[in-house]
Amino acid sequence: MAWIETIDESAAAGVLSDLYARTCDPADGRVDNVLKVHSLHPEGLKAHFDVYRAAMHGTRSLPKAEREMIALVVSKLNGCHY
């Protein structure tokens, strides 16, 4: 399995800390690993999160549950383990 260096939420400072606050899961206060892999390049984290937010919240005519189902099917078809 690949290992990618990341910065933990407790060690984040400045711009990264602000981005972590925006991207953390409100239920547990943690940042998903798929976002945390960008921690050494905060601009990449912001771009990834902006794309995710646009895809998951940008189409008001499609209910959130349906967007999540589409994302799940696409991930499964792509062989994604996440």
PDB file of N, CA and C in Angstrom:
ATOM      1  N   MET A   1       0.838  -1.173   0.000  1.00  0.00           N
ATOM      2  CA  MET A   1       0.000   0.000   0.000  1.00  0.00           C
ATOM      3  C   MET A   1       0.886   1.240   0.000  1.00  0.00           C
ATOM      4  N   ALA A   2       0.473   2.256  -0.727  1.00  0.00           N
ATOM      5  CA  ALA A   2       1.222   3.499  -0.809  1.00  0.00           C
ATOM      6  C   ALA A   2       1.119   4.270   0.501  1.00  0.00           C
ATOM      7  N   TRP A   3       2.154   5.040   0.783  1.00  0.00           N
ATOM      8  CA  TRP A   3       2.147   5.900   1.953  1.00  0.00           C
ATOM      9  C   TRP A   3       2.371   7.324   1.486  1.00  0.00           C
ATOM     10  N   ILE A   4       1.518   8.210   1.918  1.00  0.00           N
ATOM     11  CA  ILE A   4       1.624   9.608   1.544  1.00  0.00           C
ATOM     12  C   ILE A   4       1.750  10.416   2.825  1.00  0.00           C
ATOM     13  N   GLU A   5       2.783  11.241   2.889  1.00  0.00           N
ATOM     14  CA  GLU A   5       2.968  12.087   4.059  1.00  0.00           C
ATOM     15  C   GLU A   5       1.839  13.109   4.142  1.00  0.00           C
ATOM     16  N   THR A   6       1.261  13.246   5.318  1.00  0.00           N
ATOM     17  CA  THR A   6       0.195  14.208   5.536  1.00  0.00           C
ATOM     18  C   THR A   6       0.446  14.965   6.834  1.00  0.00           C
ATOM     19  N   ILE A   7      -0.244  16.057   6.983  1.00  0.00           N
ATOM     20  CA  ILE A   7      -0.193  16.848   8.210  1.00  0.00           C
ATOM     21  C   ILE A   7      -1.501  16.608   8.956  1.00  0.00           C
ATOM     22  N   ASP A   8      -1.388  16.156  10.192  1.00  0.00           N
ATOM     23  CA  ASP A   8      -2.555  15.871  11.015  1.00  0.00           C
ATOM     24  C   ASP A   8      -3.287  17.164  11.363  1.00  0.00           C
ATOM     25  N   GLU A   9      -4.563  17.042  11.653  1.00  0.00           N
ATOM     26  CA  GLU A   9      -5.356  18.208  12.023  1.00  0.00           C
ATOM     27  C   GLU A   9      -4.730  18.957  13.208  1.00  0.00           C
ATOM     28  N   SER A  10      -4.219  18.229  14.186  1.00  0.00           N
ATOM     29  CA  SER A  10      -3.662  18.865  15.386  1.00  0.00           C
ATOM     30  C   SER A  10      -2.384  19.647  15.096  1.00  0.00           C
ATOM     31  N   ALA A  11      -1.703  19.341  13.998  1.00  0.00           N
ATOM     32  CA  ALA A  11      -0.446  20.023  13.649  1.00  0.00           C
ATOM     33  C   ALA A  11      -0.634  21.082  12.563  1.00  0.00           C
ATOM     34  N   ALA A  12      -1.833  21.209  12.042  1.00  0.00           N
ATOM     35  CA  ALA A  12      -2.086  22.164  10.961  1.00  0.00           C
ATOM     36  C   ALA A  12      -2.060  23.587  11.493  1.00  0.00           C
ATOM     37  N   ALA A  13      -1.524  24.491  10.669  1.00  0.00           N
ATOM     38  CA  ALA A  13      -1.462  25.908  11.042  1.00  0.00           C
ATOM     39  C   ALA A  13      -1.784  26.766   9.833  1.00  0.00           C
ATOM     40  N   GLY A  14      -2.152  28.013  10.073  1.00  0.00           N
ATOM     41  CA  GLY A  14      -2.373  28.973   9.006  1.00  0.00           C
ATOM     42  C   GLY A  14      -3.458  28.571   8.033  1.00  0.00           C
ATOM     43  N   VAL A  15      -3.126  28.676   6.745  1.00  0.00           N
ATOM     44  CA  VAL A  15      -4.086  28.384   5.670  1.00  0.00           C
ATOM     45  C   VAL A  15      -4.588  26.945   5.766  1.00  0.00           C
ATOM     46  N   LEU A  16      -3.688  26.006   6.053  1.00  0.00           N
ATOM     47  CA  LEU A  16      -4.103  24.599   6.143  1.00  0.00           C
ATOM     48  C   LEU A  16      -5.096  24.401   7.275  1.00  0.00           C
ATOM     49  N   SER A  17      -4.863  25.018   8.409  1.00  0.00           N
ATOM     50  CA  SER A  17      -5.789  24.906   9.532  1.00  0.00           C
ATOM     51  C   SER A  17      -7.163  25.453   9.153  1.00  0.00           C
ATOM     52  N   ASP A  18      -7.193  26.573   8.454  1.00  0.00           N
ATOM     53  CA  ASP A  18      -8.459  27.159   8.001  1.00  0.00           C
ATOM     54  C   ASP A  18      -9.182  26.219   7.036  1.00  0.00           C
ATOM     55  N   LEU A  19      -8.435  25.608   6.109  1.00  0.00           N
ATOM     56  CA  LEU A  19      -9.039  24.678   5.155  1.00  0.00           C
ATOM     57  C   LEU A  19      -9.552  23.430   5.863  1.00  0.00           C
ATOM     58  N   TYR A  20      -8.782  22.927   6.815  1.00  0.00           N
ATOM     59  CA  TYR A  20      -9.242  21.765   7.573  1.00  0.00           C
ATOM     60  C   TYR A  20     -10.553  22.081   8.294  1.00  0.00           C
ATOM     61  N   ALA A  21     -10.663  23.281   8.843  1.00  0.00           N
ATOM     62  CA  ALA A  21     -11.895  23.662   9.534  1.00  0.00           C
ATOM     63  C   ALA A  21     -13.080  23.660   8.577  1.00  0.00           C
ATOM     64  N   ARG A  22     -12.858  24.035   7.317  1.00  0.00           N
ATOM     65  CA  ARG A  22     -13.930  24.062   6.311  1.00  0.00           C
ATOM     66  C   ARG A  22     -14.282  22.673   5.789  1.00  0.00           C
ATOM     67  N   THR A  23     -13.299  21.748   5.805  1.00  0.00           N
ATOM     68  CA  THR A  23     -13.500  20.459   5.148  1.00  0.00           C
ATOM     69  C   THR A  23     -13.715  19.290   6.112  1.00  0.00           C
ATOM     70  N   CYS A  24     -13.655  19.544   7.409  1.00  0.00           N
ATOM     71  CA  CYS A  24     -13.791  18.426   8.349  1.00  0.00           C
ATOM     72  C   CYS A  24     -15.236  17.942   8.401  1.00  0.00           C
ATOM     73  N   ASP A  25     -15.371  16.683   8.766  1.00  0.00           N
ATOM     74  CA  ASP A  25     -16.682  16.071   8.945  1.00  0.00           C
ATOM     75  C   ASP A  25     -17.263  16.597  10.257  1.00  0.00           C
ATOM     76  N   PRO A  26     -18.401  17.271  10.213  1.00  0.00           N
ATOM     77  CA  PRO A  26     -18.945  17.839  11.456  1.00  0.00           C
ATOM     78  C   PRO A  26     -19.313  16.771  12.487  1.00  0.00           C
ATOM     79  N   ALA A  27     -19.546  15.549  12.047  1.00  0.00           N
ATOM     80  CA  ALA A  27     -19.927  14.495  12.986  1.00  0.00           C
ATOM     81  C   ALA A  27     -18.778  14.074  13.892  1.00  0.00           C
ATOM     82  N   ASP A  28     -17.549  14.047  13.344  1.00  0.00           N
ATOM     83  CA  ASP A  28     -16.425  13.584  14.167  1.00  0.00           C
ATOM     84  C   ASP A  28     -15.241  14.551  14.197  1.00  0.00           C
ATOM     85  N   GLY A  29     -15.339  15.658  13.459  1.00  0.00           N
ATOM     86  CA  GLY A  29     -14.281  16.661  13.475  1.00  0.00           C
ATOM     87  C   GLY A  29     -13.015  16.261  12.744  1.00  0.00           C
ATOM     88  N   ARG A  30     -13.073  15.184  11.962  1.00  0.00           N
ATOM     89  CA  ARG A  30     -11.892  14.709  11.238  1.00  0.00           C
ATOM     90  C   ARG A  30     -11.980  15.086   9.766  1.00  0.00           C
ATOM     91  N   VAL A  31     -10.807  15.217   9.150  1.00  0.00           N
ATOM     92  CA  VAL A  31     -10.717  15.474   7.720  1.00  0.00           C
ATOM     93  C   VAL A  31     -10.530  14.136   7.024  1.00  0.00           C
ATOM     94  N   ASP A  32     -11.318  13.865   5.990  1.00  0.00           N
ATOM     95  CA  ASP A  32     -11.195  12.613   5.247  1.00  0.00           C
ATOM     96  C   ASP A  32      -9.798  12.494   4.643  1.00  0.00           C
ATOM     97  N   ASN A  33      -9.273  11.284   4.628  1.00  0.00           N
ATOM     98  CA  ASN A  33      -7.939  11.051   4.072  1.00  0.00           C
ATOM     99  C   ASN A  33      -7.830  11.478   2.614  1.00  0.00           C
ATOM    100  N   VAL A  34      -8.922  11.341   1.860  1.00  0.00           N
ATOM    101  CA  VAL A  34      -8.888  11.709   0.445  1.00  0.00           C
ATOM    102  C   VAL A  34      -8.607  13.208   0.285  1.00  0.00           C
ATOM    103  N   LEU A  35      -8.934  14.004   1.281  1.00  0.00           N
ATOM    104  CA  LEU A  35      -8.601  15.426   1.272  1.00  0.00           C
ATOM    105  C   LEU A  35      -7.260  15.683   1.955  1.00  0.00           C
ATOM    106  N   LYS A  36      -6.989  14.927   3.010  1.00  0.00           N
ATOM    107  CA  LYS A  36      -5.767  15.141   3.782  1.00  0.00           C
ATOM    108  C   LYS A  36      -4.506  14.864   2.967  1.00  0.00           C
ATOM    109  N   VAL A  37      -4.594  14.064   1.906  1.00  0.00           N
ATOM    110  CA  VAL A  37      -3.408  13.804   1.084  1.00  0.00           C
ATOM    111  C   VAL A  37      -2.878  15.079   0.441  1.00  0.00           C
ATOM    112  N   HIS A  38      -3.688  16.126   0.418  1.00  0.00           N
ATOM    113  CA  HIS A  38      -3.274  17.408  -0.145  1.00  0.00           C
ATOM    114  C   HIS A  38      -2.668  18.339   0.908  1.00  0.00           C
ATOM    115  N   SER A  39      -2.474  17.862   2.118  1.00  0.00           N
ATOM    116  CA  SER A  39      -2.079  18.742   3.216  1.00  0.00           C
ATOM    117  C   SER A  39      -0.740  19.436   3.003  1.00  0.00           C
ATOM    118  N   LEU A  40       0.149  18.850   2.220  1.00  0.00           N
ATOM    119  CA  LEU A  40       1.433  19.497   1.949  1.00  0.00           C
ATOM    120  C   LEU A  40       1.312  20.561   0.858  1.00  0.00           C
ATOM    121  N   HIS A  41       0.147  20.612   0.225  1.00  0.00           N
ATOM    122  CA  HIS A  41      -0.111  21.582  -0.840  1.00  0.00           C
ATOM    123  C   HIS A  41      -1.535  22.117  -0.646  1.00  0.00           C
ATOM    124  N   PRO A  42      -1.715  23.068   0.273  1.00  0.00           N
ATOM    125  CA  PRO A  42      -3.054  23.548   0.595  1.00  0.00           C
ATOM    126  C   PRO A  42      -3.868  24.043  -0.602  1.00  0.00           C
ATOM    127  N   GLU A  43      -3.193  24.597  -1.619  1.00  0.00           N
ATOM    128  CA  GLU A  43      -3.930  25.050  -2.799  1.00  0.00           C
ATOM    129  C   GLU A  43      -4.604  23.869  -3.489  1.00  0.00           C
ATOM    130  N   GLY A  44      -3.931  22.712  -3.493  1.00  0.00           N
ATOM    131  CA  GLY A  44      -4.518  21.500  -4.064  1.00  0.00           C
ATOM    132  C   GLY A  44      -5.706  21.026  -3.246  1.00  0.00           C
ATOM    133  N   LEU A  45      -5.604  21.124  -1.920  1.00  0.00           N
ATOM    134  CA  LEU A  45      -6.719  20.756  -1.044  1.00  0.00           C
ATOM    135  C   LEU A  45      -7.922  21.640  -1.338  1.00  0.00           C
ATOM    136  N   LYS A  46      -7.690  22.943  -1.449  1.00  0.00           N
ATOM    137  CA  LYS A  46      -8.795  23.866  -1.740  1.00  0.00           C
ATOM    138  C   LYS A  46      -9.437  23.545  -3.085  1.00  0.00           C
ATOM    139  N   ALA A  47      -8.617  23.288  -4.099  1.00  0.00           N
ATOM    140  CA  ALA A  47      -9.145  22.978  -5.430  1.00  0.00           C
ATOM    141  C   ALA A  47      -9.958  21.680  -5.405  1.00  0.00           C
ATOM    142  N   HIS A  48      -9.444  20.649  -4.736  1.00  0.00           N
ATOM    143  CA  HIS A  48     -10.149  19.371  -4.641  1.00  0.00           C
ATOM    144  C   HIS A  48     -11.499  19.570  -3.953  1.00  0.00           C
ATOM    145  N   PHE A  49     -11.483  20.293  -2.842  1.00  0.00           N
ATOM    146  CA  PHE A  49     -12.719  20.510  -2.103  1.00  0.00           C
ATOM    147  C   PHE A  49     -13.715  21.345  -2.905  1.00  0.00           C
ATOM    148  N   ASP A  50     -13.234  22.343  -3.631  1.00  0.00           N
ATOM    149  CA  ASP A  50     -14.121  23.167  -4.455  1.00  0.00           C
ATOM    150  C   ASP A  50     -14.792  22.342  -5.547  1.00  0.00           C
ATOM    151  N   VAL A  51     -14.036  21.436  -6.177  1.00  0.00           N
ATOM    152  CA  VAL A  51     -14.619  20.564  -7.204  1.00  0.00           C
ATOM    153  C   VAL A  51     -15.667  19.641  -6.576  1.00  0.00           C
ATOM    154  N   TYR A  52     -15.314  19.052  -5.422  1.00  0.00           N
ATOM    155  CA  TYR A  52     -16.264  18.175  -4.727  1.00  0.00           C
ATOM    156  C   TYR A  52     -17.549  18.934  -4.381  1.00  0.00           C
ATOM    157  N   ARG A  53     -17.378  20.121  -3.808  1.00  0.00           N
ATOM    158  CA  ARG A  53     -18.535  20.915  -3.395  1.00  0.00           C
ATOM    159  C   ARG A  53     -19.408  21.274  -4.606  1.00  0.00           C
ATOM    160  N   ALA A  54     -18.782  21.645  -5.707  1.00  0.00           N
ATOM    161  CA  ALA A  54     -19.546  21.986  -6.912  1.00  0.00           C
ATOM    162  C   ALA A  54     -20.308  20.778  -7.436  1.00  0.00           C
ATOM    163  N   ALA A  55     -19.671  19.616  -7.418  1.00  0.00           N
ATOM    164  CA  ALA A  55     -20.320  18.403  -7.922  1.00  0.00           C
ATOM    165  C   ALA A  55     -21.452  17.941  -7.013  1.00  0.00           C
ATOM    166  N   MET A  56     -21.250  18.057  -5.711  1.00  0.00           N
ATOM    167  CA  MET A  56     -22.236  17.519  -4.779  1.00  0.00           C
ATOM    168  C   MET A  56     -23.310  18.516  -4.362  1.00  0.00           C
ATOM    169  N   HIS A  57     -23.088  19.796  -4.604  1.00  0.00           N
ATOM    170  CA  HIS A  57     -24.071  20.787  -4.168  1.00  0.00           C
ATOM    171  C   HIS A  57     -24.505  21.729  -5.283  1.00  0.00           C
ATOM    172  N   GLY A  58     -23.897  21.606  -6.455  1.00  0.00           N
ATOM    173  CA  GLY A  58     -24.144  22.566  -7.520  1.00  0.00           C
ATOM    174  C   GLY A  58     -25.376  22.298  -8.358  1.00  0.00           C
ATOM    175  N   THR A  59     -25.970  21.131  -8.242  1.00  0.00           N
ATOM    176  CA  THR A  59     -27.133  20.785  -9.061  1.00  0.00           C
ATOM    177  C   THR A  59     -28.351  20.672  -8.158  1.00  0.00           C
ATOM    178  N   ARG A  60     -29.049  21.773  -8.000  1.00  0.00           N
ATOM    179  CA  ARG A  60     -30.176  21.806  -7.067  1.00  0.00           C
ATOM    180  C   ARG A  60     -31.341  20.932  -7.513  1.00  0.00           C
ATOM    181  N   SER A  61     -31.441  20.654  -8.798  1.00  0.00           N
ATOM    182  CA  SER A  61     -32.559  19.851  -9.283  1.00  0.00           C
ATOM    183  C   SER A  61     -32.371  18.365  -9.003  1.00  0.00           C
ATOM    184  N   LEU A  62     -31.177  17.976  -8.583  1.00  0.00           N
ATOM    185  CA  LEU A  62     -30.886  16.572  -8.280  1.00  0.00           C
ATOM    186  C   LEU A  62     -30.708  16.434  -6.773  1.00  0.00           C
ATOM    187  N   PRO A  63     -31.557  15.642  -6.121  1.00  0.00           N
ATOM    188  CA  PRO A  63     -31.452  15.496  -4.663  1.00  0.00           C
ATOM    189  C   PRO A  63     -30.077  14.952  -4.241  1.00  0.00           C
ATOM    190  N   LYS A  64     -29.646  15.358  -3.038  1.00  0.00           N
ATOM    191  CA  LYS A  64     -28.336  14.953  -2.537  1.00  0.00           C
ATOM    192  C   LYS A  64     -28.195  13.430  -2.512  1.00  0.00           C
ATOM    193  N   ALA A  65     -29.226  12.715  -2.113  1.00  0.00           N
ATOM    194  CA  ALA A  65     -29.160  11.253  -2.055  1.00  0.00           C
ATOM    195  C   ALA A  65     -28.856  10.666  -3.434  1.00  0.00           C
ATOM    196  N   GLU A  66     -29.437  11.240  -4.474  1.00  0.00           N
ATOM    197  CA  GLU A  66     -29.174  10.752  -5.831  1.00  0.00           C
ATOM    198  C   GLU A  66     -27.754  11.075  -6.271  1.00  0.00           C
ATOM    199  N   ARG A  67     -27.246  12.260  -5.916  1.00  0.00           N
ATOM    200  CA  ARG A  67     -25.848  12.596  -6.243  1.00  0.00           C
ATOM    201  C   ARG A  67     -24.903  11.624  -5.561  1.00  0.00           C
ATOM    202  N   GLU A  68     -25.194  11.288  -4.301  1.00  0.00           N
ATOM    203  CA  GLU A  68     -24.353  10.339  -3.562  1.00  0.00           C
ATOM    204  C   GLU A  68     -24.406   8.950  -4.216  1.00  0.00           C
ATOM    205  N   MET A  69     -25.588   8.537  -4.663  1.00  0.00           N
ATOM    206  CA  MET A  69     -25.705   7.235  -5.328  1.00  0.00           C
ATOM    207  C   MET A  69     -24.928   7.214  -6.639  1.00  0.00           C
ATOM    208  N   ILE A  70     -24.996   8.293  -7.385  1.00  0.00           N
ATOM    209  CA  ILE A  70     -24.237   8.383  -8.636  1.00  0.00           C
ATOM    210  C   ILE A  70     -22.740   8.294  -8.345  1.00  0.00           C
ATOM    211  N   ALA A  71     -22.284   9.024  -7.332  1.00  0.00           N
ATOM    212  CA  ALA A  71     -20.869   8.987  -6.956  1.00  0.00           C
ATOM    213  C   ALA A  71     -20.455   7.568  -6.550  1.00  0.00           C
ATOM    214  N   LEU A  72     -21.308   6.879  -5.825  1.00  0.00           N
ATOM    215  CA  LEU A  72     -21.012   5.506  -5.405  1.00  0.00           C
ATOM    216  C   LEU A  72     -20.892   4.574  -6.609  1.00  0.00           C
ATOM    217  N   VAL A  73     -21.823   4.661  -7.537  1.00  0.00           N
ATOM    218  CA  VAL A  73     -21.792   3.795  -8.722  1.00  0.00           C
ATOM    219  C   VAL A  73     -20.550   4.086  -9.566  1.00  0.00           C
ATOM    220  N   VAL A  74     -20.237   5.357  -9.772  1.00  0.00           N
ATOM    221  CA  VAL A  74     -19.057   5.719 -10.562  1.00  0.00           C
ATOM    222  C   VAL A  74     -17.787   5.217  -9.877  1.00  0.00           C
ATOM    223  N   SER A  75     -17.697   5.379  -8.559  1.00  0.00           N
ATOM    224  CA  SER A  75     -16.531   4.886  -7.823  1.00  0.00           C
ATOM    225  C   SER A  75     -16.404   3.377  -7.953  1.00  0.00           C
ATOM    226  N   LYS A  76     -17.508   2.684  -7.844  1.00  0.00           N
ATOM    227  CA  LYS A  76     -17.493   1.214  -7.974  1.00  0.00           C
ATOM    228  C   LYS A  76     -17.054   0.810  -9.385  1.00  0.00           C
ATOM    229  N   LEU A  77     -17.592   1.473 -10.399  1.00  0.00           N
ATOM    230  CA  LEU A  77     -17.210   1.157 -11.772  1.00  0.00           C
ATOM    231  C   LEU A  77     -15.720   1.443 -12.026  1.00  0.00           C
ATOM    232  N   ASN A  78     -15.190   2.448 -11.331  1.00  0.00           N
ATOM    233  CA  ASN A  78     -13.762   2.787 -11.476  1.00  0.00           C
ATOM    234  C   ASN A  78     -12.852   1.927 -10.605  1.00  0.00           C
ATOM    235  N   GLY A  79     -13.446   1.009  -9.835  1.00  0.00           N
ATOM    236  CA  GLY A  79     -12.646   0.137  -8.983  1.00  0.00           C
ATOM    237  C   GLY A  79     -12.082   0.838  -7.757  1.00  0.00           C
ATOM    238  N   CYS A  80     -12.716   1.929  -7.352  1.00  0.00           N
ATOM    239  CA  CYS A  80     -12.251   2.693  -6.199  1.00  0.00           C
ATOM    240  C   CYS A  80     -12.600   1.947  -4.912  1.00  0.00           C
ATOM    241  N   HIS A  81     -11.639   1.871  -4.008  1.00  0.00           N
ATOM    242  CA  HIS A  81     -11.869   1.186  -2.728  1.00  0.00           C
ATOM    243  C   HIS A  81     -12.452   2.129  -1.686  1.00  0.00           C
ATOM    244  N   TYR A  82     -12.463   3.394  -1.976  1.00  0.00           N
ATOM    245  CA  TYR A  82     -12.845   4.404  -0.985  1.00  0.00           C
ATOM    246  C   TYR A  82     -14.324   4.480  -0.797  1.00  0.00           C
TER     247      TYR A  82
END
